[in-house]
Amino acid sequence: MCTYQTERIEIDGSGKGATGWFGLTNAQVYVDHPVHAQYAHTVNIDFTNPAAGPAARVAVELTEEAARALAAAINAALAAAPPGLASATQ
């Protein structure tokens, strides 16, 4: 079942697409049918920069287990680093 619930956040980072690196300004996270992954539903994450056009997009389709493991790994990596080390204000 698709939830049609999309979480949107502003981000600051870079992504690499078919034409090379570009700045990222937004991320969307939602549970829906994947385009490529071989599952009925996945956690889909789109990293985008709308001002740079439709090619400025990196898409990820993860199983629920993989998405939870990724979230835990991000939290663990941040916890292991000195506070503020990867901050935009550094």
PDB file of N, CA and C in Angstrom:
ATOM      1  N   MET A   1       0.834  -1.173   0.000  1.00  0.00           N
ATOM      2  CA  MET A   1       0.000   0.000   0.000  1.00  0.00           C
ATOM      3  C   MET A   1       0.881   1.240   0.000  1.00  0.00           C
ATOM      4  N   CYS A   2       0.641   2.147  -0.898  1.00  0.00           N
ATOM      5  CA  CYS A   2       1.380   3.408  -0.952  1.00  0.00           C
ATOM      6  C   CYS A   2       0.780   4.369   0.068  1.00  0.00           C
ATOM      7  N   THR A   3       1.638   5.075   0.763  1.00  0.00           N
ATOM      8  CA  THR A   3       1.142   6.006   1.777  1.00  0.00           C
ATOM      9  C   THR A   3       0.851   7.381   1.184  1.00  0.00           C
ATOM     10  N   TYR A   4       1.481   7.702   0.080  1.00  0.00           N
ATOM     11  CA  TYR A   4       1.392   9.030  -0.526  1.00  0.00           C
ATOM     12  C   TYR A   4       1.847  10.126   0.424  1.00  0.00           C
ATOM     13  N   GLN A   5       2.512   9.736   1.501  1.00  0.00           N
ATOM     14  CA  GLN A   5       3.074  10.682   2.458  1.00  0.00           C
ATOM     15  C   GLN A   5       4.518  10.935   2.073  1.00  0.00           C
ATOM     16  N   THR A   6       4.835  12.159   1.730  1.00  0.00           N
ATOM     17  CA  THR A   6       6.192  12.519   1.341  1.00  0.00           C
ATOM     18  C   THR A   6       6.756  13.493   2.352  1.00  0.00           C
ATOM     19  N   GLU A   7       7.930  13.159   2.865  1.00  0.00           N
ATOM     20  CA  GLU A   7       8.658  14.044   3.765  1.00  0.00           C
ATOM     21  C   GLU A   7       9.636  14.838   2.914  1.00  0.00           C
ATOM     22  N   ARG A   8       9.563  16.152   2.995  1.00  0.00           N
ATOM     23  CA  ARG A   8      10.441  17.033   2.221  1.00  0.00           C
ATOM     24  C   ARG A   8      11.300  17.860   3.174  1.00  0.00           C
ATOM     25  N   ILE A   9      12.582  17.911   2.877  1.00  0.00           N
ATOM     26  CA  ILE A   9      13.480  18.730   3.692  1.00  0.00           C
ATOM     27  C   ILE A   9      14.448  19.480   2.782  1.00  0.00           C
ATOM     28  N   GLU A  10      14.933  20.614   3.276  1.00  0.00           N
ATOM     29  CA  GLU A  10      16.012  21.329   2.601  1.00  0.00           C
ATOM     30  C   GLU A  10      17.320  20.747   3.104  1.00  0.00           C
ATOM     31  N   ILE A  11      18.262  20.571   2.195  1.00  0.00           N
ATOM     32  CA  ILE A  11      19.567  20.012   2.552  1.00  0.00           C
ATOM     33  C   ILE A  11      20.665  20.866   1.938  1.00  0.00           C
ATOM     34  N   ASP A  12      21.886  20.631   2.362  1.00  0.00           N
ATOM     35  CA  ASP A  12      23.050  21.318   1.829  1.00  0.00           C
ATOM     36  C   ASP A  12      24.118  20.271   1.601  1.00  0.00           C
ATOM     37  N   GLY A  13      24.420  19.996   0.352  1.00  0.00           N
ATOM     38  CA  GLY A  13      25.413  18.978   0.045  1.00  0.00           C
ATOM     39  C   GLY A  13      25.641  18.888  -1.447  1.00  0.00           C
ATOM     40  N   SER A  14      26.228  17.792  -1.883  1.00  0.00           N
ATOM     41  CA  SER A  14      26.508  17.557  -3.296  1.00  0.00           C
ATOM     42  C   SER A  14      26.115  16.140  -3.656  1.00  0.00           C
ATOM     43  N   GLY A  15      25.748  15.952  -4.910  1.00  0.00           N
ATOM     44  CA  GLY A  15      25.421  14.632  -5.427  1.00  0.00           C
ATOM     45  C   GLY A  15      26.042  14.466  -6.798  1.00  0.00           C
ATOM     46  N   LYS A  16      26.220  13.224  -7.209  1.00  0.00           N
ATOM     47  CA  LYS A  16      26.795  12.963  -8.521  1.00  0.00           C
ATOM     48  C   LYS A  16      25.759  12.262  -9.384  1.00  0.00           C
ATOM     49  N   GLY A  17      25.433  12.870 -10.497  1.00  0.00           N
ATOM     50  CA  GLY A  17      24.488  12.303 -11.445  1.00  0.00           C
ATOM     51  C   GLY A  17      25.185  11.938 -12.737  1.00  0.00           C
ATOM     52  N   ALA A  18      24.400  11.700 -13.773  1.00  0.00           N
ATOM     53  CA  ALA A  18      24.935  11.278 -15.066  1.00  0.00           C
ATOM     54  C   ALA A  18      25.864  12.315 -15.688  1.00  0.00           C
ATOM     55  N   THR A  19      25.642  13.581 -15.372  1.00  0.00           N
ATOM     56  CA  THR A  19      26.470  14.643 -15.970  1.00  0.00           C
ATOM     57  C   THR A  19      27.542  15.167 -15.024  1.00  0.00           C
ATOM     58  N   GLY A  20      27.721  14.524 -13.874  1.00  0.00           N
ATOM     59  CA  GLY A  20      28.753  14.947 -12.931  1.00  0.00           C
ATOM     60  C   GLY A  20      28.169  15.455 -11.624  1.00  0.00           C
ATOM     61  N   TRP A  21      28.992  16.129 -10.844  1.00  0.00           N
ATOM     62  CA  TRP A  21      28.610  16.626  -9.527  1.00  0.00           C
ATOM     63  C   TRP A  21      27.761  17.878  -9.633  1.00  0.00           C
ATOM     64  N   PHE A  22      26.832  18.027  -8.691  1.00  0.00           N
ATOM     65  CA  PHE A  22      26.000  19.229  -8.618  1.00  0.00           C
ATOM     66  C   PHE A  22      25.581  19.437  -7.171  1.00  0.00           C
ATOM     67  N   GLY A  23      25.230  20.669  -6.828  1.00  0.00           N
ATOM     68  CA  GLY A  23      24.779  20.974  -5.476  1.00  0.00           C
ATOM     69  C   GLY A  23      23.390  20.411  -5.224  1.00  0.00           C
ATOM     70  N   LEU A  24      23.173  19.960  -3.994  1.00  0.00           N
ATOM     71  CA  LEU A  24      21.863  19.450  -3.581  1.00  0.00           C
ATOM     72  C   LEU A  24      21.212  20.456  -2.646  1.00  0.00           C
ATOM     73  N   THR A  25      19.925  20.680  -2.841  1.00  0.00           N
ATOM     74  CA  THR A  25      19.198  21.632  -2.003  1.00  0.00           C
ATOM     75  C   THR A  25      17.970  21.027  -1.333  1.00  0.00           C
ATOM     76  N   ASN A  26      17.523  19.874  -1.826  1.00  0.00           N
ATOM     77  CA  ASN A  26      16.294  19.275  -1.312  1.00  0.00           C
ATOM     78  C   ASN A  26      16.404  17.759  -1.266  1.00  0.00           C
ATOM     79  N   ALA A  27      15.602  17.168  -0.373  1.00  0.00           N
ATOM     80  CA  ALA A  27      15.453  15.713  -0.339  1.00  0.00           C
ATOM     81  C   ALA A  27      13.987  15.387  -0.084  1.00  0.00           C
ATOM     82  N   GLN A  28      13.521  14.361  -0.746  1.00  0.00           N
ATOM     83  CA  GLN A  28      12.161  13.863  -0.559  1.00  0.00           C
ATOM     84  C   GLN A  28      12.268  12.386  -0.178  1.00  0.00           C
ATOM     85  N   VAL A  29      11.516  11.985   0.837  1.00  0.00           N
ATOM     86  CA  VAL A  29      11.521  10.594   1.291  1.00  0.00           C
ATOM     87  C   VAL A  29      10.077  10.118   1.316  1.00  0.00           C
ATOM     88  N   TYR A  30       9.826   8.969   0.707  1.00  0.00           N
ATOM     89  CA  TYR A  30       8.463   8.444   0.641  1.00  0.00           C
ATOM     90  C   TYR A  30       8.492   6.934   0.425  1.00  0.00           C
ATOM     91  N   VAL A  31       7.401   6.273   0.776  1.00  0.00           N
ATOM     92  CA  VAL A  31       7.243   4.837   0.543  1.00  0.00           C
ATOM     93  C   VAL A  31       6.281   4.680  -0.630  1.00  0.00           C
ATOM     94  N   ASP A  32       6.746   3.983  -1.667  1.00  0.00           N
ATOM     95  CA  ASP A  32       5.941   3.856  -2.883  1.00  0.00           C
ATOM     96  C   ASP A  32       6.485   2.694  -3.712  1.00  0.00           C
ATOM     97  N   HIS A  33       5.897   2.493  -4.865  1.00  0.00           N
ATOM     98  CA  HIS A  33       6.406   1.490  -5.793  1.00  0.00           C
ATOM     99  C   HIS A  33       7.742   1.974  -6.344  1.00  0.00           C
ATOM    100  N   PRO A  34       8.739   1.099  -6.405  1.00  0.00           N
ATOM    101  CA  PRO A  34      10.019   1.506  -6.975  1.00  0.00           C
ATOM    102  C   PRO A  34       9.958   1.514  -8.501  1.00  0.00           C
ATOM    103  N   VAL A  35      10.897   2.199  -9.098  1.00  0.00           N
ATOM    104  CA  VAL A  35      11.036   2.190 -10.552  1.00  0.00           C
ATOM    105  C   VAL A  35      11.934   1.035 -10.979  1.00  0.00           C
ATOM    106  N   HIS A  36      12.994   0.789 -10.214  1.00  0.00           N
ATOM    107  CA  HIS A  36      13.990  -0.200 -10.619  1.00  0.00           C
ATOM    108  C   HIS A  36      14.149  -1.378  -9.655  1.00  0.00           C
ATOM    109  N   ALA A  37      14.108  -1.131  -8.358  1.00  0.00           N
ATOM    110  CA  ALA A  37      14.310  -2.203  -7.371  1.00  0.00           C
ATOM    111  C   ALA A  37      13.239  -3.282  -7.534  1.00  0.00           C
ATOM    112  N   GLN A  38      13.607  -4.506  -7.268  1.00  0.00           N
ATOM    113  CA  GLN A  38      12.714  -5.642  -7.488  1.00  0.00           C
ATOM    114  C   GLN A  38      11.856  -5.971  -6.266  1.00  0.00           C
ATOM    115  N   TYR A  39      11.149  -4.979  -5.760  1.00  0.00           N
ATOM    116  CA  TYR A  39      10.260  -5.158  -4.612  1.00  0.00           C
ATOM    117  C   TYR A  39       8.932  -4.481  -4.932  1.00  0.00           C
ATOM    118  N   ALA A  40       7.892  -4.861  -4.211  1.00  0.00           N
ATOM    119  CA  ALA A  40       6.580  -4.235  -4.434  1.00  0.00           C
ATOM    120  C   ALA A  40       6.574  -2.782  -3.972  1.00  0.00           C
ATOM    121  N   HIS A  41       7.251  -2.509  -2.857  1.00  0.00           N
ATOM    122  CA  HIS A  41       7.348  -1.151  -2.317  1.00  0.00           C
ATOM    123  C   HIS A  41       8.742  -0.956  -1.754  1.00  0.00           C
ATOM    124  N   THR A  42       9.194   0.282  -1.777  1.00  0.00           N
ATOM    125  CA  THR A  42      10.494   0.621  -1.203  1.00  0.00           C
ATOM    126  C   THR A  42      10.423   1.990  -0.546  1.00  0.00           C
ATOM    127  N   VAL A  43      11.432   2.269   0.258  1.00  0.00           N
ATOM    128  CA  VAL A  43      11.628   3.614   0.784  1.00  0.00           C
ATOM    129  C   VAL A  43      12.436   4.336  -0.286  1.00  0.00           C
ATOM    130  N   ASN A  44      11.855   5.370  -0.856  1.00  0.00           N
ATOM    131  CA  ASN A  44      12.486   6.091  -1.959  1.00  0.00           C
ATOM    132  C   ASN A  44      12.998   7.438  -1.463  1.00  0.00           C
ATOM    133  N   ILE A  45      14.224   7.736  -1.820  1.00  0.00           N
ATOM    134  CA  ILE A  45      14.827   9.011  -1.445  1.00  0.00           C
ATOM    135  C   ILE A  45      15.298   9.684  -2.720  1.00  0.00           C
ATOM    136  N   ASP A  46      14.826  10.890  -2.944  1.00  0.00           N
ATOM    137  CA  ASP A  46      15.259  11.696  -4.083  1.00  0.00           C
ATOM    138  C   ASP A  46      16.035  12.890  -3.544  1.00  0.00           C
ATOM    139  N   PHE A  47      17.295  12.987  -3.932  1.00  0.00           N
ATOM    140  CA  PHE A  47      18.123  14.145  -3.617  1.00  0.00           C
ATOM    141  C   PHE A  47      18.097  15.024  -4.866  1.00  0.00           C
ATOM    142  N   THR A  48      17.706  16.286  -4.719  1.00  0.00           N
ATOM    143  CA  THR A  48      17.506  17.126  -5.903  1.00  0.00           C
ATOM    144  C   THR A  48      18.040  18.540  -5.720  1.00  0.00           C
ATOM    145  N   ASN A  49      18.120  19.221  -6.862  1.00  0.00           N
ATOM    146  CA  ASN A  49      18.346  20.659  -6.915  1.00  0.00           C
ATOM    147  C   ASN A  49      17.405  21.184  -7.992  1.00  0.00           C
ATOM    148  N   PRO A  50      16.155  21.518  -7.641  1.00  0.00           N
ATOM    149  CA  PRO A  50      15.167  21.928  -8.632  1.00  0.00           C
ATOM    150  C   PRO A  50      15.621  23.078  -9.523  1.00  0.00           C
ATOM    151  N   ALA A  51      16.425  23.993  -9.008  1.00  0.00           N
ATOM    152  CA  ALA A  51      16.887  25.135  -9.801  1.00  0.00           C
ATOM    153  C   ALA A  51      17.812  24.706 -10.935  1.00  0.00           C
ATOM    154  N   ALA A  52      18.417  23.535 -10.811  1.00  0.00           N
ATOM    155  CA  ALA A  52      19.349  23.046 -11.831  1.00  0.00           C
ATOM    156  C   ALA A  52      18.677  22.145 -12.862  1.00  0.00           C
ATOM    157  N   GLY A  53      17.372  21.976 -12.768  1.00  0.00           N
ATOM    158  CA  GLY A  53      16.645  21.190 -13.760  1.00  0.00           C
ATOM    159  C   GLY A  53      16.472  19.733 -13.370  1.00  0.00           C
ATOM    160  N   PRO A  54      15.727  18.976 -14.190  1.00  0.00           N
ATOM    161  CA  PRO A  54      15.385  17.594 -13.855  1.00  0.00           C
ATOM    162  C   PRO A  54      16.575  16.637 -13.807  1.00  0.00           C
ATOM    163  N   ALA A  55      17.669  16.963 -14.468  1.00  0.00           N
ATOM    164  CA  ALA A  55      18.837  16.080 -14.438  1.00  0.00           C
ATOM    165  C   ALA A  55      19.578  16.163 -13.109  1.00  0.00           C
ATOM    166  N   ALA A  56      19.307  17.186 -12.306  1.00  0.00           N
ATOM    167  CA  ALA A  56      19.978  17.352 -11.010  1.00  0.00           C
ATOM    168  C   ALA A  56      19.220  16.560  -9.956  1.00  0.00           C
ATOM    169  N   ARG A  57      19.289  15.230 -10.088  1.00  0.00           N
ATOM    170  CA  ARG A  57      18.551  14.331  -9.196  1.00  0.00           C
ATOM    171  C   ARG A  57      19.344  13.052  -9.000  1.00  0.00           C
ATOM    172  N   VAL A  58      19.412  12.611  -7.754  1.00  0.00           N
ATOM    173  CA  VAL A  58      19.965  11.310  -7.415  1.00  0.00           C
ATOM    174  C   VAL A  58      18.850  10.559  -6.694  1.00  0.00           C
ATOM    175  N   ALA A  59      18.454   9.424  -7.226  1.00  0.00           N
ATOM    176  CA  ALA A  59      17.361   8.650  -6.654  1.00  0.00           C
ATOM    177  C   ALA A  59      17.891   7.369  -6.021  1.00  0.00           C
ATOM    178  N   VAL A  60      17.287   6.995  -4.880  1.00  0.00           N
ATOM    179  CA  VAL A  60      17.657   5.779  -4.172  1.00  0.00           C
ATOM    180  C   VAL A  60      16.374   5.044  -3.807  1.00  0.00           C
ATOM    181  N   GLU A  61      16.337   3.736  -4.036  1.00  0.00           N
ATOM    182  CA  GLU A  61      15.208   2.883  -3.652  1.00  0.00           C
ATOM    183  C   GLU A  61      15.737   1.807  -2.709  1.00  0.00           C
ATOM    184  N   LEU A  62      15.265   1.804  -1.459  1.00  0.00           N
ATOM    185  CA  LEU A  62      15.776   0.901  -0.438  1.00  0.00           C
ATOM    186  C   LEU A  62      14.660   0.073   0.177  1.00  0.00           C
ATOM    187  N   THR A  63      15.007  -1.133   0.612  1.00  0.00           N
ATOM    188  CA  THR A  63      14.059  -1.888   1.413  1.00  0.00           C
ATOM    189  C   THR A  63      13.926  -1.195   2.768  1.00  0.00           C
ATOM    190  N   GLU A  64      12.873  -1.519   3.495  1.00  0.00           N
ATOM    191  CA  GLU A  64      12.697  -0.948   4.835  1.00  0.00           C
ATOM    192  C   GLU A  64      13.903  -1.261   5.709  1.00  0.00           C
ATOM    193  N   GLU A  65      14.394  -2.488   5.619  1.00  0.00           N
ATOM    194  CA  GLU A  65      15.537  -2.893   6.436  1.00  0.00           C
ATOM    195  C   GLU A  65      16.787  -2.088   6.074  1.00  0.00           C
ATOM    196  N   ALA A  66      17.006  -1.902   4.788  1.00  0.00           N
ATOM    197  CA  ALA A  66      18.176  -1.136   4.345  1.00  0.00           C
ATOM    198  C   ALA A  66      18.064   0.330   4.754  1.00  0.00           C
ATOM    199  N   ALA A  67      16.856   0.897   4.659  1.00  0.00           N
ATOM    200  CA  ALA A  67      16.657   2.299   5.057  1.00  0.00           C
ATOM    201  C   ALA A  67      16.919   2.480   6.545  1.00  0.00           C
ATOM    202  N   ARG A  68      16.428   1.555   7.353  1.00  0.00           N
ATOM    203  CA  ARG A  68      16.668   1.648   8.804  1.00  0.00           C
ATOM    204  C   ARG A  68      18.153   1.474   9.123  1.00  0.00           C
ATOM    205  N   ALA A  69      18.819   0.547   8.428  1.00  0.00           N
ATOM    206  CA  ALA A  69      20.259   0.349   8.637  1.00  0.00           C
ATOM    207  C   ALA A  69      21.042   1.587   8.210  1.00  0.00           C
ATOM    208  N   LEU A  70      20.645   2.218   7.121  1.00  0.00           N
ATOM    209  CA  LEU A  70      21.307   3.442   6.671  1.00  0.00           C
ATOM    210  C   LEU A  70      21.132   4.559   7.690  1.00  0.00           C
ATOM    211  N   ALA A  71      19.914   4.734   8.198  1.00  0.00           N
ATOM    212  CA  ALA A  71      19.668   5.769   9.217  1.00  0.00           C
ATOM    213  C   ALA A  71      20.522   5.511  10.457  1.00  0.00           C
ATOM    214  N   ALA A  72      20.616   4.252  10.884  1.00  0.00           N
ATOM    215  CA  ALA A  72      21.433   3.910  12.053  1.00  0.00           C
ATOM    216  C   ALA A  72      22.913   4.163  11.777  1.00  0.00           C
ATOM    217  N   ALA A  73      23.378   3.834  10.570  1.00  0.00           N
ATOM    218  CA  ALA A  73      24.782   4.046  10.217  1.00  0.00           C
ATOM    219  C   ALA A  73      25.119   5.537  10.178  1.00  0.00           C
ATOM    220  N   ILE A  74      24.205   6.350   9.660  1.00  0.00           N
ATOM    221  CA  ILE A  74      24.426   7.806   9.651  1.00  0.00           C
ATOM    222  C   ILE A  74      24.531   8.323  11.075  1.00  0.00           C
ATOM    223  N   ASN A  75      23.611   7.899  11.942  1.00  0.00           N
ATOM    224  CA  ASN A  75      23.647   8.330  13.343  1.00  0.00           C
ATOM    225  C   ASN A  75      24.916   7.857  14.040  1.00  0.00           C
ATOM    226  N   ALA A  76      25.356   6.620  13.761  1.00  0.00           N
ATOM    227  CA  ALA A  76      26.574   6.093  14.383  1.00  0.00           C
ATOM    228  C   ALA A  76      27.804   6.865  13.919  1.00  0.00           C
ATOM    229  N   ALA A  77      27.874   7.168  12.622  1.00  0.00           N
ATOM    230  CA  ALA A  77      29.022   7.917  12.099  1.00  0.00           C
ATOM    231  C   ALA A  77      29.086   9.315  12.703  1.00  0.00           C
ATOM    232  N   LEU A  78      27.936   9.965  12.822  1.00  0.00           N
ATOM    233  CA  LEU A  78      27.905  11.300  13.430  1.00  0.00           C
ATOM    234  C   LEU A  78      28.265  11.251  14.912  1.00  0.00           C
ATOM    235  N   ALA A  79      27.818  10.218  15.611  1.00  0.00           N
ATOM    236  CA  ALA A  79      28.116  10.083  17.034  1.00  0.00           C
ATOM    237  C   ALA A  79      29.612   9.834  17.269  1.00  0.00           C
ATOM    238  N   ALA A  80      30.270   9.188  16.309  1.00  0.00           N
ATOM    239  CA  ALA A  80      31.686   8.854  16.461  1.00  0.00           C
ATOM    240  C   ALA A  80      32.603  10.023  16.111  1.00  0.00           C
ATOM    241  N   ALA A  81      32.077  11.033  15.438  1.00  0.00           N
ATOM    242  CA  ALA A  81      32.883  12.187  15.033  1.00  0.00           C
ATOM    243  C   ALA A  81      32.783  13.280  16.074  1.00  0.00           C
ATOM    244  N   PRO A  82      33.785  14.141  16.148  1.00  0.00           N
ATOM    245  CA  PRO A  82      33.670  15.295  17.055  1.00  0.00           C
ATOM    246  C   PRO A  82      32.460  16.137  16.681  1.00  0.00           C
ATOM    247  N   PRO A  83      31.739  16.638  17.677  1.00  0.00           N
ATOM    248  CA  PRO A  83      30.569  17.465  17.395  1.00  0.00           C
ATOM    249  C   PRO A  83      30.891  18.627  16.465  1.00  0.00           C
ATOM    250  N   GLY A  84      30.070  18.828  15.460  1.00  0.00           N
ATOM    251  CA  GLY A  84      30.237  19.936  14.532  1.00  0.00           C
ATOM    252  C   GLY A  84      31.237  19.729  13.416  1.00  0.00           C
ATOM    253  N   LEU A  85      31.927  18.582  13.388  1.00  0.00           N
ATOM    254  CA  LEU A  85      32.976  18.360  12.396  1.00  0.00           C
ATOM    255  C   LEU A  85      32.455  18.458  10.965  1.00  0.00           C
ATOM    256  N   ALA A  86      31.251  17.956  10.704  1.00  0.00           N
ATOM    257  CA  ALA A  86      30.692  17.992   9.340  1.00  0.00           C
ATOM    258  C   ALA A  86      29.629  19.089   9.207  1.00  0.00           C
ATOM    259  N   SER A  87      29.604  20.018  10.126  1.00  0.00           N
ATOM    260  CA  SER A  87      28.603  21.087  10.123  1.00  0.00           C
ATOM    261  C   SER A  87      28.895  22.115   9.042  1.00  0.00           C
ATOM    262  N   ALA A  88      27.838  22.726   8.526  1.00  0.00           N
ATOM    263  CA  ALA A  88      27.992  23.805   7.543  1.00  0.00           C
ATOM    264  C   ALA A  88      28.668  25.016   8.170  1.00  0.00           C
ATOM    265  N   THR A  89      28.604  25.137   9.482  1.00  0.00           N
ATOM    266  CA  THR A  89      29.192  26.293  10.163  1.00  0.00           C
ATOM    267  C   THR A  89      30.651  26.061  10.544  1.00  0.00           C
ATOM    268  N   GLN A  90      31.204  24.920  10.211  1.00  0.00           N
ATOM    269  CA  GLN A  90      32.591  24.566  10.535  1.00  0.00           C
ATOM    270  C   GLN A  90      33.537  25.444   9.775  1.00  0.00           C
TER     271      GLN A  90
END
